[in-house]
Amino acid sequence: MPLDPITQSVIQAGLEQVCDEMDLTFSRAAFSPIIAEANDRADGIYAADDGSLIAQGRGGLPVFVGAMQYSTRTLVEMIAAGKVAAPKPDDIYIVNDPYLGGTHLMDVRFARPFYRNGEIYCWLSNTGHWPDTGGVVPGGFSASATAVEQEGLRLPPVRLFKEGVLDEEIYSIICSNIRVAEQRIGDVKAQAAALMVGEDRLNALLDRYGDDTVTEAIAELRTRASTQMSAFIDEIPDGQYKSTAWVDSDGVVNEPLAINLIIDKTPGHLRFDFSESSPPCMGPMNSVIATTRSAVYLAMRHIFPEVPISAGAFEPLEVLRPENTFLDAHYPRPVSGCAAEVSQRIAESVFAALVEALPNRVTAAPAGTSGNFGLGGHDPARGQDFVMYQLSGGGYGGNADHDGMANGCATIGISKAPPVEIMEQNFPVLYHRYALREGSGGAGKHRGGLGLEYEIELRRGDATASFVMDHGRYGPQGALGGEDGAVNEVEVWRDGEMYIPEHLSKEQDIALKAGDRVRVRTPGGGGYGNPADRDPALEAEDKRLGRT
């Protein structure tokens, strides 16, 4: 007998609540501001047999949705093949290898088998962005890396916790290869604690409704998500849709990289073909296949947010493997920019391809960069080294209904910039400016949202700055006659002299001393519709407030 709709809905909400509580636990217990304040993390529940997504927290980064699904599947396959030790209750695996279903090395994934009646019922998994995993630059965002080894420590799936006990030998290997290692134990235990909370809450849900009932609800959730996504896809007329999005450069060769997308729409199905994109690049802007596919999934989630997050939502979406392009990276290609930057260009290409077919659902391009700024050095006042990681928002694209939002989070997630006060408390920096970037939104019937402008001074000691950003050469695309948003701008002031990186928004190892400053202006969103059609009252208000 099928489940009644109320029970189905309650169990669906219960599964999401399990993930939400894992997210909350992770952020509250973590030491690093990038997790504790910015929420650069995600938690989810995955199927025991193939790692397919069952549920993810509403506050987790969407780009991790597909990536963790691939990562968990790879773990299950490697265990079955005898390449990874078989699990026991309370084990927790750690892995950050990008080529095994990941993103970049700084996104460290934990996976815990969830047992019921002596059998693995599902997997609980999470990802957290560690502030440093080694490599040639503090923070891991090496703008000129030519091999993944230069980006940090690469971990295959290993049991970091064995039957609930931290393996000190494995942990010591990790700590011996990363900066500010003494702080990582806080993030490690927070990440593990989140999974333990998930186990408690999931057990309670199963105890309340019964294993068979919850299993039936999970299967029905997947079926409904697939059916719903197919129905929404049929809002798009059958046919072929094309677009191009650009990456400024790879950080090594100062030439743009093209993301060429062809979407084929057939009844209830979309096929995404990136095979005509640029070949693999020398620098760190390559994307592993898990991230490429996850970027497509998150773009479609932006377009059809009504579809619940589960593996079923992805079934009507076919992403062809773009072999021999920079969107299908293989070892040893560097990949530090894939999740934070390239994935957003992929999403932008999806928006640009479908905006004419779905003008009431798709927006002009958002800022589309996480603004990765790493600062590492020694704080003489505290007598210790530090690694600071700053991400930042930008303008959203205008849409059919209204102007784009100012200073929104990155396309790939719902993380937020750490508060200025927290950053100044934890690191030897002073923010001289943190404000909206007036005039940065692209003109249109509905203007693009405003980007962000901030300026940071190093107060004491010596440090090195590194940037892996994008949209420094090309601004976010306008749509349906709208103009592009303003480009990303980076300025480094040393001894009163301004320095602009050759690659505009990518460079590493820029030496700073006390009193030197970094100024960043993030992109505004693209405009939507012909600027001549803008409401005169809105145009007058823009001029009054200096927004144009």
Protein backbone atom coordinates (compact mmCIF):
# COMPACT_ATOMS: atom_id res chain seq x y z
CA MET A 1 0.00 0.00 0.00
CA PRO A 2 1.49 3.38 -1.03
CA LEU A 3 2.40 5.84 1.67
CA ASP A 4 -0.14 8.54 2.36
CA PRO A 5 1.00 12.01 1.23
CA ILE A 6 1.25 13.38 4.77
CA THR A 7 3.56 10.62 6.00
CA GLN A 8 5.65 10.95 2.81
CA SER A 9 6.03 14.69 3.36
CA VAL A 10 6.85 14.33 7.04
CA ILE A 11 9.58 11.76 6.35
CA GLN A 12 11.01 13.93 3.56
CA ALA A 13 11.16 16.88 5.94
CA GLY A 14 12.63 14.62 8.62
CA LEU A 15 15.47 13.53 6.34
CA GLU A 16 16.22 17.16 5.47
CA GLN A 17 16.13 18.04 9.17
CA VAL A 18 18.73 15.37 9.90
CA CYS A 19 21.03 17.05 7.38
CA ASP A 20 20.21 20.54 8.67
CA GLU A 21 21.23 19.51 12.19
CA MET A 22 24.48 18.07 10.86
CA ASP A 23 25.16 21.38 9.10
CA LEU A 24 24.42 23.34 12.25
CA THR A 25 26.62 21.13 14.42
CA PHE A 26 29.49 21.37 11.95
CA SER A 27 29.42 25.17 11.81
CA ARG A 28 28.94 25.66 15.55
CA ALA A 29 31.80 23.37 16.54
CA ALA A 30 34.37 24.24 13.85
CA PHE A 31 37.40 26.39 14.66
CA SER A 32 38.03 27.89 11.22
CA PRO A 33 36.03 31.02 10.29
CA ILE A 34 35.56 29.71 6.75
CA ILE A 35 33.41 26.91 8.21
CA ALA A 36 32.17 28.42 11.47
CA GLU A 37 31.16 31.79 9.99
CA ALA A 38 31.08 31.39 6.21
CA ASN A 39 29.39 27.94 6.27
CA ASP A 40 31.61 26.57 3.50
CA ARG A 41 30.38 23.03 4.11
CA ALA A 42 27.60 20.57 3.38
CA ASP A 43 26.12 17.42 4.91
CA GLY A 44 24.05 14.71 3.30
CA ILE A 45 22.62 11.20 3.35
CA TYR A 46 23.62 8.78 0.59
CA ALA A 47 22.46 5.33 -0.52
CA ALA A 48 24.31 2.29 0.77
CA ASP A 49 24.60 0.49 -2.58
CA ASP A 50 25.66 3.22 -5.00
CA GLY A 51 26.12 6.46 -3.02
CA SER A 52 23.18 8.20 -4.71
CA LEU A 53 21.89 11.27 -2.93
CA ILE A 54 18.96 10.79 -0.54
CA ALA A 55 18.89 14.18 1.17
CA GLN A 56 21.06 17.24 1.79
CA GLY A 57 20.73 20.11 4.24
CA ARG A 58 19.14 23.32 3.01
CA GLY A 59 22.12 25.27 4.32
CA GLY A 60 24.79 23.20 2.56
CA LEU A 61 26.68 24.28 -0.55
CA PRO A 62 24.79 23.00 -3.62
CA VAL A 63 28.02 22.37 -5.56
CA PHE A 64 28.84 19.64 -3.07
CA VAL A 65 25.58 17.82 -3.88
CA GLY A 66 26.80 16.05 -6.96
CA ALA A 67 30.39 15.89 -5.85
CA MET A 68 29.62 14.03 -2.62
CA GLN A 69 27.35 11.68 -4.53
CA TYR A 70 30.24 10.75 -6.83
CA SER A 71 32.69 10.61 -3.95
CA THR A 72 30.49 8.29 -1.88
CA ARG A 73 29.88 6.08 -4.91
CA THR A 74 33.62 5.83 -5.54
CA LEU A 75 34.21 4.92 -1.89
CA VAL A 76 31.58 2.16 -2.05
CA GLU A 77 33.12 0.80 -5.26
CA MET A 78 36.67 0.88 -3.87
CA ILE A 79 35.55 -0.97 -0.72
CA ALA A 80 33.82 -3.62 -2.86
CA ALA A 81 36.98 -4.00 -4.96
CA GLY A 82 39.18 -4.44 -1.89
CA LYS A 83 41.12 -1.23 -2.58
CA VAL A 84 39.92 0.37 0.65
CA ALA A 85 39.53 -1.29 4.05
CA ALA A 86 36.01 -2.53 4.76
CA PRO A 87 34.02 -0.45 7.26
CA LYS A 88 33.07 -1.22 10.81
CA PRO A 89 30.53 0.59 12.99
CA ASP A 90 31.67 4.09 14.01
CA ASP A 91 34.36 4.22 11.31
CA ILE A 92 34.82 7.53 9.48
CA TYR A 93 36.66 7.75 6.17
CA ILE A 94 38.52 10.86 5.04
CA VAL A 95 39.24 11.71 1.39
CA ASN A 96 40.04 14.86 -0.59
CA ASP A 97 41.36 13.37 -3.86
CA PRO A 98 39.71 15.48 -6.60
CA TYR A 99 39.90 12.66 -9.13
CA LEU A 100 37.83 10.34 -6.91
CA GLY A 101 34.62 12.31 -7.12
CA GLY A 102 35.80 15.50 -5.47
CA THR A 103 36.34 19.19 -6.06
CA HIS A 104 39.67 20.65 -4.96
CA LEU A 105 42.03 19.56 -2.22
CA MET A 106 40.78 22.07 0.35
CA ASP A 107 37.31 20.47 0.31
CA VAL A 108 37.82 17.54 2.68
CA ARG A 109 35.11 14.88 2.80
CA PHE A 110 34.19 12.57 5.67
CA ALA A 111 31.98 9.50 5.19
CA ARG A 112 30.47 7.37 7.95
CA PRO A 113 28.59 4.10 7.41
CA PHE A 114 25.18 4.13 9.08
CA TYR A 115 24.21 0.72 10.44
CA ARG A 116 20.78 -0.75 11.19
CA ASN A 117 20.44 -4.32 12.42
CA GLY A 118 24.08 -5.06 11.62
CA GLU A 119 23.88 -3.89 7.98
CA ILE A 120 24.82 -0.62 6.30
CA TYR A 121 21.54 1.20 5.73
CA CYS A 122 23.09 4.32 4.17
CA TRP A 123 26.11 6.61 4.34
CA LEU A 124 26.36 9.93 6.15
CA SER A 125 28.83 12.24 4.47
CA ASN A 126 29.99 15.83 4.73
CA THR A 127 32.47 18.20 3.18
CA GLY A 128 34.23 21.10 4.82
CA HIS A 129 36.63 23.61 3.33
CA TRP A 130 39.84 23.42 5.32
CA PRO A 131 41.79 26.71 5.34
CA ASP A 132 44.96 24.90 4.31
CA THR A 133 45.99 21.46 3.07
CA GLY A 134 49.62 22.25 2.32
CA GLY A 135 50.96 23.07 -1.11
CA VAL A 136 53.11 25.93 -2.30
CA VAL A 137 50.87 28.78 -1.10
CA PRO A 138 48.99 29.30 2.16
CA GLY A 139 45.36 28.40 1.67
CA GLY A 140 45.91 26.10 -1.30
CA PHE A 141 44.75 28.49 -4.04
CA SER A 142 47.90 28.39 -6.11
CA ALA A 143 47.30 30.57 -9.15
CA SER A 144 50.21 29.14 -11.11
CA ALA A 145 50.29 25.48 -10.10
CA THR A 146 51.01 23.10 -12.97
CA ALA A 147 50.50 19.84 -11.04
CA VAL A 148 48.14 18.83 -8.26
CA GLU A 149 51.02 18.08 -5.88
CA GLN A 150 51.76 21.81 -5.79
CA GLU A 151 48.26 22.45 -4.46
CA GLY A 152 48.49 20.39 -1.28
CA LEU A 153 48.23 17.00 0.37
CA ARG A 154 46.08 14.53 -1.60
CA LEU A 155 44.35 11.87 0.50
CA PRO A 156 42.80 8.68 -0.84
CA PRO A 157 39.92 7.19 1.17
CA VAL A 158 41.32 6.00 4.52
CA ARG A 159 39.70 5.38 7.89
CA LEU A 160 40.64 8.39 10.00
CA PHE A 161 38.38 7.17 12.80
CA LYS A 162 38.46 3.45 13.47
CA GLU A 163 35.44 2.29 15.49
CA GLY A 164 35.09 5.81 16.85
CA VAL A 165 38.76 6.38 17.76
CA LEU A 166 40.91 8.91 15.89
CA ASP A 167 43.88 7.22 14.22
CA GLU A 168 46.69 9.36 15.59
CA GLU A 169 49.23 8.05 13.08
CA ILE A 170 47.17 9.06 10.05
CA TYR A 171 46.29 12.35 11.68
CA SER A 172 49.97 13.07 12.38
CA ILE A 173 50.76 12.52 8.69
CA ILE A 174 48.08 15.08 7.78
CA CYS A 175 49.30 17.60 10.36
CA SER A 176 52.88 17.22 9.18
CA ASN A 177 51.89 18.39 5.71
CA ILE A 178 49.66 21.39 6.41
CA ARG A 179 50.06 24.87 7.86
CA VAL A 180 48.68 25.92 11.24
CA ALA A 181 48.19 22.23 11.99
CA GLU A 182 47.41 22.77 15.66
CA GLN A 183 44.05 24.33 14.71
CA ARG A 184 42.84 21.47 12.51
CA ILE A 185 41.79 19.23 15.38
CA GLY A 186 38.86 21.58 16.00
CA ASP A 187 37.61 21.23 12.43
CA VAL A 188 38.25 17.48 12.36
CA LYS A 189 36.28 16.83 15.53
CA ALA A 190 33.51 19.19 14.41
CA GLN A 191 33.22 17.37 11.11
CA ALA A 192 33.10 13.99 12.86
CA ALA A 193 30.63 15.25 15.48
CA ALA A 194 28.25 16.39 12.75
CA LEU A 195 28.09 12.84 11.39
CA MET A 196 27.49 11.44 14.87
CA VAL A 197 24.61 13.86 15.37
CA GLY A 198 23.24 12.73 12.02
CA GLU A 199 23.38 9.11 13.16
CA ASP A 200 21.43 9.90 16.33
CA ARG A 201 18.76 11.86 14.48
CA LEU A 202 18.40 9.33 11.67
CA ASN A 203 18.04 6.50 14.18
CA ALA A 204 15.26 8.45 15.87
CA LEU A 205 13.45 8.94 12.55
CA LEU A 206 13.73 5.24 11.68
CA ASP A 207 12.61 4.21 15.15
CA ARG A 208 9.55 6.42 14.86
CA TYR A 209 8.34 5.35 11.40
CA GLY A 210 10.05 1.99 10.88
CA ASP A 211 12.85 1.02 8.52
CA ASP A 212 10.54 -0.29 5.80
CA THR A 213 8.38 2.83 5.79
CA VAL A 214 11.35 5.20 5.58
CA THR A 215 12.94 3.08 2.84
CA GLU A 216 9.69 3.26 0.87
CA ALA A 217 9.54 7.02 1.38
CA ILE A 218 13.12 7.43 0.13
CA ALA A 219 12.34 5.48 -3.04
CA GLU A 220 9.18 7.51 -3.61
CA LEU A 221 11.07 10.77 -3.04
CA ARG A 222 13.53 9.83 -5.76
CA THR A 223 10.75 8.90 -8.19
CA ARG A 224 8.81 12.10 -7.52
CA ALA A 225 11.90 14.28 -7.92
CA SER A 226 12.65 12.67 -11.29
CA THR A 227 9.05 13.07 -12.46
CA GLN A 228 8.91 16.67 -11.28
CA MET A 229 12.18 17.63 -12.95
CA SER A 230 11.02 16.05 -16.22
CA ALA A 231 7.77 18.01 -16.03
CA PHE A 232 9.60 21.28 -15.49
CA ILE A 233 11.99 20.50 -18.32
CA ASP A 234 9.00 20.27 -20.63
CA GLU A 235 8.48 24.00 -20.14
CA ILE A 236 11.43 24.28 -22.55
CA PRO A 237 10.53 23.88 -26.23
CA ASP A 238 12.20 20.90 -27.90
CA GLY A 239 15.33 21.86 -29.78
CA GLN A 240 18.96 22.85 -29.39
CA TYR A 241 20.34 25.69 -27.29
CA LYS A 242 23.91 27.02 -27.36
CA SER A 243 26.05 29.37 -25.30
CA THR A 244 29.63 30.31 -24.50
CA ALA A 245 31.11 31.39 -21.20
CA TRP A 246 34.71 32.47 -20.67
CA VAL A 247 37.31 31.88 -17.98
CA ASP A 248 39.82 34.78 -17.88
CA SER A 249 42.90 32.55 -17.95
CA ASP A 250 44.29 29.49 -16.25
CA GLY A 251 46.75 31.50 -14.15
CA VAL A 252 49.76 30.25 -16.15
CA VAL A 253 48.93 30.97 -19.80
CA ASN A 254 47.33 34.39 -20.11
CA GLU A 255 44.67 33.41 -22.60
CA PRO A 256 40.94 32.87 -22.05
CA LEU A 257 39.36 29.43 -21.81
CA ALA A 258 36.06 28.81 -23.57
CA ILE A 259 33.15 26.84 -22.15
CA ASN A 260 31.08 25.97 -25.20
CA LEU A 261 27.77 24.36 -24.34
CA ILE A 262 25.17 22.68 -26.52
CA ILE A 263 21.92 21.64 -24.81
CA ASP A 264 19.62 19.22 -26.61
CA LYS A 265 16.04 19.24 -25.31
CA THR A 266 13.81 16.25 -25.94
CA PRO A 267 10.60 15.39 -24.06
CA GLY A 268 11.40 15.29 -20.34
CA HIS A 269 15.15 15.20 -20.93
CA LEU A 270 18.13 17.56 -21.29
CA ARG A 271 21.52 16.57 -22.67
CA PHE A 272 24.50 18.84 -21.94
CA ASP A 273 27.47 18.69 -24.31
CA PHE A 274 30.66 20.60 -23.42
CA SER A 275 32.88 18.71 -25.87
CA GLU A 276 33.77 21.84 -27.90
CA SER A 277 35.27 23.61 -24.88
CA SER A 278 38.97 24.47 -24.54
CA PRO A 279 41.49 21.64 -24.07
CA PRO A 280 43.07 20.84 -20.69
CA CYS A 281 44.99 23.83 -19.38
CA MET A 282 48.36 24.12 -17.66
CA GLY A 283 47.13 26.09 -14.65
CA PRO A 284 44.65 25.30 -11.86
CA MET A 285 41.40 26.07 -13.73
CA ASN A 286 40.79 22.49 -14.79
CA SER A 287 37.59 20.88 -13.51
CA VAL A 288 37.18 17.24 -12.52
CA ILE A 289 34.14 15.49 -13.95
CA ALA A 290 32.31 15.31 -10.60
CA THR A 291 32.47 19.09 -10.26
CA THR A 292 31.50 19.67 -13.90
CA ARG A 293 28.38 17.56 -13.53
CA SER A 294 27.58 19.00 -10.11
CA ALA A 295 27.77 22.52 -11.61
CA VAL A 296 25.11 21.57 -14.16
CA TYR A 297 22.92 20.13 -11.41
CA LEU A 298 23.18 23.26 -9.27
CA ALA A 299 22.40 25.47 -12.28
CA MET A 300 19.20 23.52 -12.88
CA ARG A 301 18.40 23.80 -9.17
CA HIS A 302 18.63 27.58 -9.55
CA ILE A 303 16.21 27.42 -12.49
CA PHE A 304 13.79 24.92 -10.93
CA PRO A 305 14.13 25.36 -7.14
CA GLU A 306 10.82 23.59 -6.53
CA VAL A 307 12.35 20.17 -7.22
CA PRO A 308 13.50 18.51 -3.97
CA ILE A 309 17.16 17.61 -3.74
CA SER A 310 17.70 13.90 -4.37
CA ALA A 311 19.35 11.70 -6.97
CA GLY A 312 16.02 11.58 -8.82
CA ALA A 313 16.27 15.27 -9.66
CA PHE A 314 19.38 14.54 -11.72
CA GLU A 315 18.01 11.57 -13.68
CA PRO A 316 16.49 13.64 -16.53
CA LEU A 317 19.81 15.51 -16.89
CA GLU A 318 22.45 13.84 -19.05
CA VAL A 319 25.89 15.46 -18.90
CA LEU A 320 28.15 13.96 -21.54
CA ARG A 321 31.73 13.45 -20.44
CA PRO A 322 33.69 16.28 -22.11
CA GLU A 323 36.82 14.26 -22.83
CA ASN A 324 39.98 16.09 -23.85
CA THR A 325 38.73 19.40 -22.44
CA PHE A 326 39.62 21.33 -19.30
CA LEU A 327 36.23 20.28 -17.89
CA ASP A 328 37.34 16.64 -17.49
CA ALA A 329 40.59 16.86 -15.57
CA HIS A 330 42.74 13.82 -14.92
CA TYR A 331 45.78 13.39 -12.72
CA PRO A 332 48.09 15.34 -12.47
CA ARG A 333 46.22 18.40 -13.78
CA PRO A 334 45.91 21.12 -11.10
CA VAL A 335 42.32 21.85 -10.06
CA SER A 336 42.25 24.38 -7.22
CA GLY A 337 39.98 26.71 -9.20
CA CYS A 338 37.45 24.12 -10.31
CA ALA A 339 34.83 24.26 -7.56
CA ALA A 340 35.13 27.91 -6.64
CA GLU A 341 35.47 29.41 -10.13
CA VAL A 342 35.07 27.08 -13.13
CA SER A 343 31.87 25.56 -11.77
CA GLN A 344 30.33 29.04 -11.77
CA ARG A 345 31.31 29.61 -15.40
CA ILE A 346 29.63 26.27 -16.19
CA ALA A 347 26.46 27.43 -14.42
CA GLU A 348 26.69 30.73 -16.31
CA SER A 349 26.80 28.83 -19.61
CA VAL A 350 23.62 26.96 -18.63
CA PHE A 351 21.84 30.21 -17.77
CA ALA A 352 22.97 31.87 -21.00
CA ALA A 353 21.79 28.91 -23.09
CA LEU A 354 18.32 28.72 -21.52
CA VAL A 355 17.41 32.35 -20.76
CA GLU A 356 15.58 32.87 -24.06
CA ALA A 357 13.64 29.63 -23.65
CA LEU A 358 12.78 30.35 -20.00
CA PRO A 359 12.81 34.16 -19.73
CA ASN A 360 10.66 34.16 -16.59
CA ARG A 361 12.86 31.67 -14.76
CA VAL A 362 16.44 32.32 -15.85
CA THR A 363 18.40 35.40 -14.86
CA ALA A 364 21.26 37.28 -16.42
CA ALA A 365 24.65 36.06 -15.24
CA PRO A 366 25.56 36.57 -11.58
CA ALA A 367 28.99 37.70 -10.37
CA GLY A 368 30.15 34.11 -10.70
CA THR A 369 33.35 34.22 -8.66
CA SER A 370 34.04 33.23 -5.06
CA GLY A 371 36.77 35.85 -4.84
CA ASN A 372 39.32 33.46 -3.34
CA PHE A 373 41.91 35.51 -1.48
CA GLY A 374 44.50 33.72 0.63
CA LEU A 375 46.83 35.49 3.04
CA GLY A 376 49.46 33.61 4.98
CA GLY A 377 52.29 34.71 7.19
CA HIS A 378 53.54 35.15 10.75
CA ASP A 379 51.90 37.26 13.43
CA PRO A 380 54.69 38.51 15.74
CA ALA A 381 52.23 39.75 18.36
CA ARG A 382 50.87 36.23 18.86
CA GLY A 383 54.06 34.42 18.02
CA GLN A 384 52.35 32.11 15.57
CA ASP A 385 51.74 31.58 11.88
CA PHE A 386 48.35 32.19 10.31
CA VAL A 387 46.41 31.35 7.16
CA MET A 388 43.50 33.61 6.29
CA TYR A 389 41.01 32.73 3.59
CA GLN A 390 38.60 35.40 2.37
CA LEU A 391 35.69 34.73 0.04
CA SER A 392 33.33 37.42 -1.13
CA GLY A 393 30.00 37.95 -2.83
CA GLY A 394 28.94 39.90 -5.87
CA GLY A 395 25.91 41.08 -7.78
CA TYR A 396 23.17 38.77 -9.00
CA GLY A 397 21.86 39.07 -12.52
CA GLY A 398 18.71 41.03 -13.28
CA ASN A 399 15.62 38.98 -14.01
CA ALA A 400 12.14 39.26 -15.48
CA ASP A 401 10.65 40.65 -12.27
CA HIS A 402 13.22 42.94 -10.67
CA ASP A 403 16.83 44.11 -10.37
CA GLY A 404 19.46 41.64 -9.25
CA MET A 405 20.37 41.33 -5.59
CA ALA A 406 23.42 43.23 -4.38
CA ASN A 407 26.34 41.37 -2.80
CA GLY A 408 24.80 37.93 -3.07
CA CYS A 409 26.65 34.70 -2.36
CA ALA A 410 28.41 32.70 -5.03
CA THR A 411 26.37 30.73 -7.56
CA ILE A 412 27.77 27.48 -6.18
CA GLY A 413 26.35 27.80 -2.72
CA ILE A 414 24.84 29.78 0.07
CA SER A 415 27.99 30.43 2.04
CA LYS A 416 28.51 33.90 3.41
CA ALA A 417 31.58 36.06 3.84
CA PRO A 418 32.98 35.84 7.38
CA PRO A 419 32.18 38.96 9.44
CA VAL A 420 34.84 41.66 9.32
CA GLU A 421 35.06 41.66 13.12
CA ILE A 422 35.80 37.93 13.21
CA MET A 423 38.53 38.25 10.60
CA GLU A 424 40.19 41.15 12.43
CA GLN A 425 39.98 39.22 15.68
CA ASN A 426 41.62 36.12 14.24
CA PHE A 427 44.20 37.61 11.88
CA PRO A 428 46.57 40.62 11.87
CA VAL A 429 44.48 42.63 9.38
CA LEU A 430 42.36 45.78 9.38
CA TYR A 431 39.46 46.38 7.01
CA HIS A 432 39.49 49.98 5.83
CA ARG A 433 36.48 49.54 3.58
CA TYR A 434 33.72 46.99 3.12
CA ALA A 435 30.90 48.39 1.00
CA LEU A 436 28.70 47.93 -2.03
CA ARG A 437 30.43 48.69 -5.32
CA GLU A 438 28.28 51.41 -6.80
CA GLY A 439 27.78 51.38 -10.56
CA SER A 440 28.90 47.77 -10.99
CA GLY A 441 25.56 46.26 -12.07
CA GLY A 442 24.98 45.85 -15.79
CA ALA A 443 22.37 48.20 -17.27
CA GLY A 444 19.05 46.74 -18.37
CA LYS A 445 15.31 46.90 -18.01
CA HIS A 446 16.20 45.28 -14.70
CA ARG A 447 19.70 46.22 -13.58
CA GLY A 448 22.26 43.73 -12.34
CA GLY A 449 22.95 43.71 -8.61
CA LEU A 450 25.92 45.56 -7.16
CA GLY A 451 29.20 43.89 -6.35
CA LEU A 452 31.36 44.38 -3.28
CA GLU A 453 34.39 46.59 -2.61
CA TYR A 454 36.76 45.94 0.27
CA GLU A 455 40.23 47.03 1.33
CA ILE A 456 42.44 45.14 3.81
CA GLU A 457 45.65 46.30 5.46
CA LEU A 458 48.26 43.94 6.91
CA ARG A 459 48.86 45.37 10.39
CA ARG A 460 51.96 43.50 11.50
CA GLY A 461 54.52 40.94 10.36
CA ASP A 462 55.16 39.72 6.85
CA ALA A 463 52.78 37.75 4.64
CA THR A 464 52.14 36.56 1.11
CA ALA A 465 48.90 37.09 -0.78
CA SER A 466 47.40 34.80 -3.40
CA PHE A 467 44.33 35.25 -5.58
CA VAL A 468 42.28 32.78 -7.60
CA MET A 469 39.31 34.75 -8.89
CA ASP A 470 37.65 35.27 -12.25
CA HIS A 471 35.61 37.65 -14.36
CA GLY A 472 38.54 40.05 -14.44
CA ARG A 473 38.62 40.08 -18.25
CA TYR A 474 34.92 39.60 -19.04
CA GLY A 475 32.05 40.83 -16.88
CA PRO A 476 29.00 38.68 -16.08
CA GLN A 477 26.85 38.34 -19.19
CA GLY A 478 23.77 40.44 -19.68
CA ALA A 479 20.62 38.77 -21.04
CA LEU A 480 17.99 39.69 -23.60
CA GLY A 481 19.63 43.01 -24.46
CA GLY A 482 21.01 43.78 -21.02
CA GLU A 483 24.62 44.92 -20.57
CA ASP A 484 27.40 42.98 -18.88
CA GLY A 485 28.23 43.63 -15.24
CA ALA A 486 31.51 45.25 -14.16
CA VAL A 487 34.62 43.08 -14.13
CA ASN A 488 36.48 41.90 -11.03
CA GLU A 489 39.38 44.18 -10.05
CA VAL A 490 42.35 43.48 -7.78
CA GLU A 491 44.87 46.08 -6.62
CA VAL A 492 47.80 45.54 -4.30
CA TRP A 493 49.33 48.64 -2.69
CA ARG A 494 52.93 48.26 -1.49
CA ASP A 495 54.90 51.26 -0.23
CA GLY A 496 52.22 53.48 -1.74
CA GLU A 497 52.60 52.01 -5.23
CA MET A 498 49.80 50.12 -6.95
CA TYR A 499 50.36 46.69 -8.45
CA ILE A 500 47.84 44.91 -10.71
CA PRO A 501 48.40 41.19 -11.36
CA GLU A 502 49.22 40.25 -14.94
CA HIS A 503 46.31 37.80 -14.98
CA LEU A 504 44.07 40.50 -13.46
CA SER A 505 42.49 38.32 -10.77
CA LYS A 506 44.96 35.46 -10.41
CA GLU A 507 48.41 35.50 -8.86
CA GLN A 508 50.31 34.00 -5.95
CA ASP A 509 53.12 34.79 -3.54
CA ILE A 510 52.73 38.55 -3.56
CA ALA A 511 54.95 39.68 -0.70
CA LEU A 512 53.35 42.06 1.80
CA LYS A 513 54.67 43.81 4.89
CA ALA A 514 52.96 45.78 7.62
CA GLY A 515 51.07 48.73 6.15
CA ASP A 516 50.56 47.21 2.70
CA ARG A 517 46.99 46.91 1.46
CA VAL A 518 44.86 44.79 -0.85
CA ARG A 519 41.81 46.24 -2.59
CA VAL A 520 39.23 44.03 -4.30
CA ARG A 521 36.17 45.04 -6.31
CA THR A 522 33.89 42.12 -7.14
CA PRO A 523 31.71 41.93 -10.27
CA GLY A 524 28.19 43.25 -10.55
CA GLY A 525 25.49 41.08 -12.10
CA GLY A 526 24.49 41.25 -15.74
CA GLY A 527 21.56 43.40 -16.79
CA TYR A 528 18.28 41.88 -18.00
CA GLY A 529 16.41 43.35 -20.96
CA ASN A 530 16.94 46.50 -23.03
CA PRO A 531 18.11 49.42 -20.85
CA ALA A 532 15.83 51.71 -22.88
CA ASP A 533 12.84 49.87 -21.39
CA ARG A 534 13.79 50.66 -17.78
CA ASP A 535 11.20 52.41 -15.65
CA PRO A 536 12.16 56.14 -15.62
CA ALA A 537 11.49 56.29 -11.88
CA LEU A 538 13.97 53.46 -11.27
CA GLU A 539 16.49 55.12 -13.57
CA ALA A 540 16.18 58.37 -11.64
CA GLU A 541 16.64 56.53 -8.35
CA ASP A 542 19.79 54.82 -9.72
CA LYS A 543 21.26 58.21 -10.63
CA ARG A 544 20.36 59.70 -7.26
CA LEU A 545 22.10 56.89 -5.39
CA GLY A 546 25.10 56.70 -7.72
CA ARG A 547 24.30 53.20 -8.95
CA THR A 548 24.95 53.98 -12.61
